[in-house]
Amino acid sequence: MLLSNVFKRAALALATVCLAPLAQAQDYPNKPVTLVVGYAAGGGVDFMARLLAEKLADRLKQPVVIENRPSVGAVVASTYVSKAKPDGYTLMMGAPGPIIFNHALNDKLPYGPRDFAPISIMSNSPLVLLVNANNPARNVQELVAQSRANPDKANYGASSASFQLTTELFNRRTGAKFMHIPYKGANEAVQAVMTGDVTMTLADSGPAITGLQSGRVKALAVTSTERLKDLPNVPTLAELGIDLKVSLWIGLLAPAGTPADIVKRLHEEMVRIVDMPDVRARIAAKASIPMTNTPEEFTRLIASEIALWRQVAQENNIKGN
């Protein structure tokens, strides 16, 4: 009888341990959720975070508080979230800079790609290849030929290592000879194309479309898999036979070890939110494409992108700041 009671108590203890994560997930959330942003208020990542927080608070029936922790490369915010308790109450609105490009350029960061549980992408912003409106090149092929004929005069503006890596991959896959000229931001790089200080730039769609509206630049291609609604007459690089598909995603991540049921709940809510007509319209108004993917797809994307851009960085001797 005594032995039987021991087994019963052991079985009860084991059941309690096994059911604890399930009970935690079913109870989630029972307090406010913090959504960390590694950039200052007012930028693209911050905009998406605030849009998501507004809708997620309604869905979760709990406040979702934005916490901006800006720093170079968003390292401070990324490190903070990577070390947070994995209970679903501290999340991060991430972008390729801290999650992909930082790791492609630096092996000694205080956080790693495996320190996060990816949940879903929320939006994608393809890049647009811009040249001055007076540039005689009518298409990408002519632009590439132009750079080969005059390599000493062919250059490009890039506002960060991510844009530099993308353009160097463009060089490699087209045989172009554009040389790098650094700028502080995408708007400055677009302005440099307007003034003729650089030949071209690959800019994210927001600054690119603003530049196009001025009439001082023209678009020769986009890096998305399909043509953009805002630029229906601009071909994709894929259409031109150039294997270069790049989009700057913005998405939600949690600390690694977050219970699977909580990740699943957050993913399901994100899918519902991004499907809302007003959300899709607000994302599209920022010249971005609303979209979602599964946690598994998001994880595979991050791994494959780190490997790709690390190789490009090594081949071109590009290092992080």
Protein backbone atom coordinates (compact mmCIF):
# COMPACT_ATOMS: atom_id res chain seq x y z
CA MET A 1 0.00 0.00 0.00
CA LEU A 2 2.85 2.38 0.90
CA LEU A 3 4.62 1.65 -2.40
CA SER A 4 1.38 2.22 -4.29
CA ASN A 5 0.98 5.65 -2.67
CA VAL A 6 4.56 6.56 -3.62
CA PHE A 7 3.85 5.69 -7.27
CA LYS A 8 0.61 7.69 -7.18
CA ARG A 9 2.38 10.76 -5.79
CA ALA A 10 5.16 10.42 -8.39
CA ALA A 11 2.62 10.10 -11.20
CA LEU A 12 0.72 13.13 -9.91
CA ALA A 13 3.92 15.18 -9.72
CA LEU A 14 4.89 14.16 -13.26
CA ALA A 15 1.45 15.07 -14.58
CA THR A 16 1.65 18.45 -12.86
CA VAL A 17 5.03 19.17 -14.48
CA CYS A 18 3.80 18.11 -17.94
CA LEU A 19 0.60 20.14 -17.72
CA ALA A 20 2.28 23.31 -16.39
CA PRO A 21 3.29 24.67 -19.83
CA LEU A 22 -0.19 23.89 -21.19
CA ALA A 23 -1.84 25.70 -18.29
CA GLN A 24 0.52 28.63 -18.78
CA ALA A 25 -0.36 28.84 -22.48
CA GLN A 26 -4.10 28.57 -21.83
CA ASP A 27 -3.79 31.36 -19.25
CA TYR A 28 -1.90 33.62 -21.67
CA PRO A 29 -1.99 36.57 -21.53
CA ASN A 30 -3.04 37.70 -18.06
CA LYS A 31 -0.97 40.91 -17.94
CA PRO A 32 0.34 43.57 -20.37
CA VAL A 33 2.66 42.51 -23.22
CA THR A 34 5.76 44.57 -24.08
CA LEU A 35 6.69 44.95 -27.75
CA VAL A 36 10.31 46.11 -28.07
CA VAL A 37 11.49 48.16 -31.06
CA GLY A 38 15.19 48.63 -31.74
CA TYR A 39 14.68 51.94 -33.53
CA ALA A 40 13.45 55.42 -32.67
CA ALA A 41 9.76 56.29 -32.85
CA GLY A 42 8.48 57.36 -36.25
CA GLY A 43 10.39 54.92 -38.47
CA GLY A 44 9.09 52.04 -40.53
CA VAL A 45 9.62 49.33 -37.90
CA ASP A 46 8.06 51.52 -35.22
CA PHE A 47 5.04 52.18 -37.48
CA MET A 48 4.43 48.45 -37.98
CA ALA A 49 4.92 47.77 -34.26
CA ARG A 50 2.33 50.37 -33.28
CA LEU A 51 -0.12 49.09 -35.88
CA LEU A 52 0.31 45.54 -34.60
CA ALA A 53 0.12 46.60 -30.95
CA GLU A 54 -3.16 48.43 -31.53
CA LYS A 55 -4.83 45.36 -33.04
CA LEU A 56 -3.09 42.77 -30.86
CA ALA A 57 -4.29 44.50 -27.69
CA ASP A 58 -7.88 44.13 -28.91
CA ARG A 59 -7.33 40.46 -29.76
CA LEU A 60 -5.48 39.53 -26.54
CA LYS A 61 -7.65 41.69 -24.25
CA GLN A 62 -4.48 43.05 -22.67
CA PRO A 63 -2.45 46.23 -23.26
CA VAL A 64 0.47 45.88 -25.69
CA VAL A 65 3.07 48.48 -24.72
CA ILE A 66 5.68 49.74 -27.22
CA GLU A 67 9.18 50.10 -25.78
CA ASN A 68 11.68 51.86 -28.08
CA ARG A 69 15.33 50.93 -27.38
CA PRO A 70 17.19 52.53 -30.32
CA SER A 71 20.89 51.86 -30.89
CA VAL A 72 23.31 51.27 -33.76
CA GLY A 73 22.20 48.11 -35.55
CA ALA A 74 19.37 47.64 -33.01
CA VAL A 75 21.84 45.59 -30.95
CA VAL A 76 20.58 46.87 -27.58
CA ALA A 77 16.96 45.88 -28.18
CA SER A 78 17.90 42.55 -29.76
CA THR A 79 20.15 41.63 -26.83
CA TYR A 80 17.48 42.66 -24.33
CA VAL A 81 14.76 40.53 -25.91
CA SER A 82 17.08 37.57 -26.48
CA LYS A 83 17.72 37.42 -22.72
CA ALA A 84 14.15 38.14 -21.61
CA LYS A 85 12.02 35.52 -19.87
CA PRO A 86 10.48 33.33 -22.61
CA ASP A 87 6.90 33.64 -21.45
CA GLY A 88 5.31 35.62 -24.30
CA TYR A 89 5.27 38.91 -22.40
CA THR A 90 8.38 40.40 -24.03
CA LEU A 91 8.36 40.40 -27.85
CA MET A 92 10.37 42.18 -30.52
CA MET A 93 9.43 43.82 -33.80
CA GLY A 94 12.42 42.77 -35.85
CA ALA A 95 13.95 43.56 -39.23
CA PRO A 96 16.75 42.05 -41.35
CA GLY A 97 19.35 44.48 -39.94
CA PRO A 98 19.62 43.05 -36.42
CA ILE A 99 18.38 39.54 -37.20
CA ILE A 100 20.22 38.79 -40.45
CA PHE A 101 22.78 41.38 -41.57
CA ASN A 102 24.34 41.88 -38.13
CA HIS A 103 25.13 38.16 -38.02
CA ALA A 104 26.41 38.14 -41.60
CA LEU A 105 28.90 40.86 -40.67
CA ASN A 106 29.80 40.11 -37.05
CA ASP A 107 30.43 36.82 -35.26
CA LYS A 108 30.83 38.44 -31.83
CA LEU A 109 27.39 39.84 -31.06
CA PRO A 110 25.90 39.48 -27.56
CA TYR A 111 22.98 37.55 -29.09
CA GLY A 112 22.61 34.90 -31.78
CA PRO A 113 19.96 33.93 -34.33
CA ARG A 114 19.03 30.90 -32.20
CA ASP A 115 18.14 33.19 -29.29
CA PHE A 116 14.77 33.99 -30.89
CA ALA A 117 11.54 32.17 -31.66
CA PRO A 118 10.34 33.68 -34.97
CA ILE A 119 6.55 34.09 -35.12
CA SER A 120 5.68 35.71 -38.45
CA ILE A 121 6.59 38.39 -40.94
CA MET A 122 4.07 41.25 -41.08
CA SER A 123 5.22 43.18 -44.14
CA ASN A 124 7.78 43.18 -46.93
CA SER A 125 9.36 46.20 -48.58
CA PRO A 126 11.11 45.38 -51.87
CA LEU A 127 13.97 47.48 -53.18
CA VAL A 128 13.76 49.70 -56.26
CA LEU A 129 16.72 50.31 -58.58
CA LEU A 130 16.84 54.05 -59.22
CA VAL A 131 18.91 56.16 -61.60
CA ASN A 132 18.81 59.85 -62.44
CA ALA A 133 15.93 60.81 -64.72
CA ASN A 134 18.45 62.04 -67.31
CA ASN A 135 20.50 58.85 -67.34
CA PRO A 136 20.42 57.51 -70.94
CA ALA A 137 20.03 53.90 -69.75
CA ARG A 138 16.53 52.73 -70.58
CA ASN A 139 16.77 49.42 -68.76
CA VAL A 140 19.00 47.38 -66.45
CA GLN A 141 20.94 45.80 -69.30
CA GLU A 142 21.93 49.22 -70.63
CA LEU A 143 22.83 50.41 -67.13
CA VAL A 144 25.11 47.40 -66.59
CA ALA A 145 26.75 47.98 -69.99
CA GLN A 146 27.23 51.62 -69.07
CA SER A 147 29.08 50.65 -65.87
CA ARG A 148 31.34 48.24 -67.73
CA ALA A 149 32.24 50.85 -70.33
CA ASN A 150 32.99 53.52 -67.68
CA PRO A 151 33.89 51.73 -64.42
CA ASP A 152 35.70 54.79 -63.07
CA LYS A 153 32.46 56.80 -63.28
CA ALA A 154 30.02 54.08 -62.16
CA ASN A 155 29.03 54.18 -58.49
CA TYR A 156 26.12 53.56 -56.14
CA GLY A 157 24.84 55.05 -52.91
CA ALA A 158 24.12 52.76 -49.95
CA SER A 159 22.93 53.86 -46.53
CA SER A 160 23.93 50.73 -44.58
CA ALA A 161 25.73 47.43 -44.92
CA SER A 162 22.47 45.73 -45.89
CA PHE A 163 22.05 47.94 -48.97
CA GLN A 164 25.76 47.66 -49.74
CA LEU A 165 25.62 43.84 -49.59
CA THR A 166 22.54 43.79 -51.84
CA THR A 167 24.18 46.01 -54.46
CA GLU A 168 27.40 44.00 -54.39
CA LEU A 169 25.33 40.89 -55.06
CA PHE A 170 23.71 42.78 -57.96
CA ASN A 171 27.22 43.54 -59.26
CA ARG A 172 28.21 39.91 -58.99
CA ARG A 173 25.13 38.52 -60.70
CA THR A 174 25.08 41.03 -63.55
CA GLY A 175 28.78 41.73 -64.08
CA ALA A 176 28.22 45.41 -63.28
CA LYS A 177 31.11 47.57 -62.02
CA PHE A 178 29.48 49.98 -59.58
CA MET A 179 31.62 51.24 -56.70
CA HIS A 180 30.25 51.96 -53.22
CA ILE A 181 29.66 55.49 -51.89
CA PRO A 182 28.34 55.52 -48.28
CA TYR A 183 25.39 57.65 -47.12
CA LYS A 184 23.70 58.05 -43.74
CA GLY A 185 20.20 57.09 -44.85
CA ALA A 186 18.10 55.84 -47.75
CA ASN A 187 16.65 59.31 -48.36
CA GLU A 188 20.18 60.73 -48.69
CA ALA A 189 21.15 57.99 -51.17
CA VAL A 190 18.06 58.75 -53.29
CA GLN A 191 18.89 62.47 -53.12
CA ALA A 192 22.42 61.67 -54.35
CA VAL A 193 20.93 59.98 -57.41
CA MET A 194 18.74 63.05 -58.01
CA THR A 195 21.73 65.38 -57.96
CA GLY A 196 23.92 63.07 -60.03
CA ASP A 197 26.44 62.48 -57.25
CA VAL A 198 25.98 58.72 -57.72
CA THR A 199 24.81 56.69 -60.70
CA MET A 200 22.32 54.46 -58.96
CA THR A 201 20.92 53.20 -55.68
CA LEU A 202 18.83 50.29 -54.49
CA ALA A 203 16.35 51.93 -52.11
CA ASP A 204 13.47 50.53 -50.12
CA SER A 205 10.13 51.28 -51.73
CA GLY A 206 9.05 54.14 -49.41
CA PRO A 207 11.96 56.53 -50.13
CA ALA A 208 12.09 55.29 -53.73
CA ILE A 209 8.48 56.17 -54.48
CA THR A 210 8.88 59.56 -52.82
CA GLY A 211 11.87 60.17 -55.08
CA LEU A 212 9.96 59.02 -58.15
CA GLN A 213 7.16 61.47 -57.37
CA SER A 214 9.69 64.31 -57.71
CA GLY A 215 10.32 63.32 -61.35
CA ARG A 216 14.08 63.55 -60.83
CA VAL A 217 14.75 59.81 -60.77
CA LYS A 218 13.45 56.85 -62.72
CA ALA A 219 13.03 53.19 -61.74
CA LEU A 220 14.56 50.44 -63.86
CA ALA A 221 13.65 47.38 -61.77
CA VAL A 222 12.33 46.08 -58.45
CA THR A 223 13.69 43.22 -56.36
CA SER A 224 10.31 41.67 -55.46
CA THR A 225 9.01 38.41 -56.88
CA GLU A 226 6.10 40.27 -58.51
CA ARG A 227 5.67 43.80 -59.86
CA LEU A 228 4.59 46.39 -57.32
CA LYS A 229 1.08 47.81 -57.51
CA ASP A 230 2.54 51.31 -57.17
CA LEU A 231 5.00 50.66 -60.03
CA PRO A 232 3.15 48.37 -62.45
CA ASN A 233 5.36 49.27 -65.43
CA VAL A 234 8.65 48.52 -63.66
CA PRO A 235 9.89 44.96 -64.24
CA THR A 236 11.27 42.68 -61.56
CA LEU A 237 14.92 41.65 -61.78
CA ALA A 238 13.68 38.07 -62.05
CA GLU A 239 11.77 39.00 -65.22
CA LEU A 240 15.07 40.25 -66.64
CA GLY A 241 16.80 36.96 -65.89
CA ILE A 242 18.68 38.28 -62.84
CA ASP A 243 18.51 36.03 -59.79
CA LEU A 244 18.15 38.65 -57.09
CA LYS A 245 15.03 38.67 -54.93
CA VAL A 246 15.37 40.91 -51.88
CA SER A 247 12.78 42.37 -49.55
CA LEU A 248 13.23 44.14 -46.24
CA TRP A 249 10.73 42.36 -44.01
CA ILE A 250 9.38 43.48 -40.66
CA GLY A 251 8.20 40.73 -38.34
CA LEU A 252 7.47 39.53 -34.83
CA LEU A 253 9.87 37.45 -32.74
CA ALA A 254 9.89 36.13 -29.18
CA PRO A 255 12.77 34.89 -27.01
CA ALA A 256 13.86 31.32 -27.74
CA GLY A 257 12.14 28.83 -25.46
CA THR A 258 8.76 30.58 -25.55
CA PRO A 259 6.12 27.80 -25.19
CA ALA A 260 4.94 26.45 -28.53
CA ASP A 261 1.29 27.12 -27.68
CA ILE A 262 2.02 30.80 -27.05
CA VAL A 263 3.97 31.08 -30.32
CA LYS A 264 1.03 29.38 -32.07
CA ARG A 265 -1.48 31.78 -30.47
CA LEU A 266 0.56 34.85 -31.45
CA HIS A 267 1.01 33.54 -34.99
CA GLU A 268 -2.73 32.94 -35.38
CA GLU A 269 -3.50 36.43 -34.12
CA MET A 270 -0.97 37.97 -36.51
CA VAL A 271 -2.54 36.17 -39.47
CA ARG A 272 -5.99 37.47 -38.48
CA ILE A 273 -4.66 41.01 -37.97
CA VAL A 274 -2.75 41.21 -41.28
CA ASP A 275 -5.87 39.94 -43.07
CA MET A 276 -7.91 42.91 -41.79
CA PRO A 277 -8.72 45.27 -44.70
CA ASP A 278 -7.76 48.42 -42.77
CA VAL A 279 -4.43 46.89 -41.71
CA ARG A 280 -3.62 45.84 -45.27
CA ALA A 281 -4.48 49.34 -46.49
CA ARG A 282 -2.28 51.01 -43.86
CA ILE A 283 0.65 48.73 -44.68
CA ALA A 284 0.21 49.31 -48.41
CA ALA A 285 0.13 53.07 -47.81
CA LYS A 286 3.73 52.72 -46.60
CA ALA A 287 4.69 51.18 -49.97
CA SER A 288 5.01 47.78 -48.28
CA ILE A 289 3.38 44.43 -49.00
CA PRO A 290 1.25 42.92 -46.21
CA MET A 291 2.04 39.24 -45.70
CA THR A 292 2.53 36.50 -43.11
CA ASN A 293 4.41 33.21 -42.92
CA THR A 294 4.64 30.34 -40.45
CA PRO A 295 7.17 30.22 -37.60
CA GLU A 296 8.91 27.36 -39.43
CA GLU A 297 9.10 29.30 -42.70
CA PHE A 298 10.35 32.39 -40.87
CA THR A 299 13.07 30.34 -39.12
CA ARG A 300 14.26 28.82 -42.41
CA LEU A 301 14.28 32.24 -44.08
CA ILE A 302 16.51 33.72 -41.37
CA ALA A 303 18.98 30.83 -41.56
CA SER A 304 19.24 30.89 -45.36
CA GLU A 305 19.57 34.69 -45.50
CA ILE A 306 22.37 34.77 -42.91
CA ALA A 307 24.30 32.17 -44.92
CA LEU A 308 23.79 34.08 -48.20
CA TRP A 309 24.79 37.52 -46.91
CA ARG A 310 27.72 36.19 -44.88
CA GLN A 311 29.11 34.75 -48.12
CA VAL A 312 28.58 38.04 -49.98
CA ALA A 313 30.27 39.96 -47.15
CA GLN A 314 33.28 37.65 -47.16
CA GLU A 315 33.65 37.76 -50.95
CA ASN A 316 33.60 41.57 -50.95
CA ASN A 317 35.52 42.09 -47.68
CA ILE A 318 32.60 43.99 -46.15
CA LYS A 319 32.67 44.26 -42.37
CA GLY A 320 30.26 45.64 -39.81
CA ASN A 321 30.81 48.95 -38.08
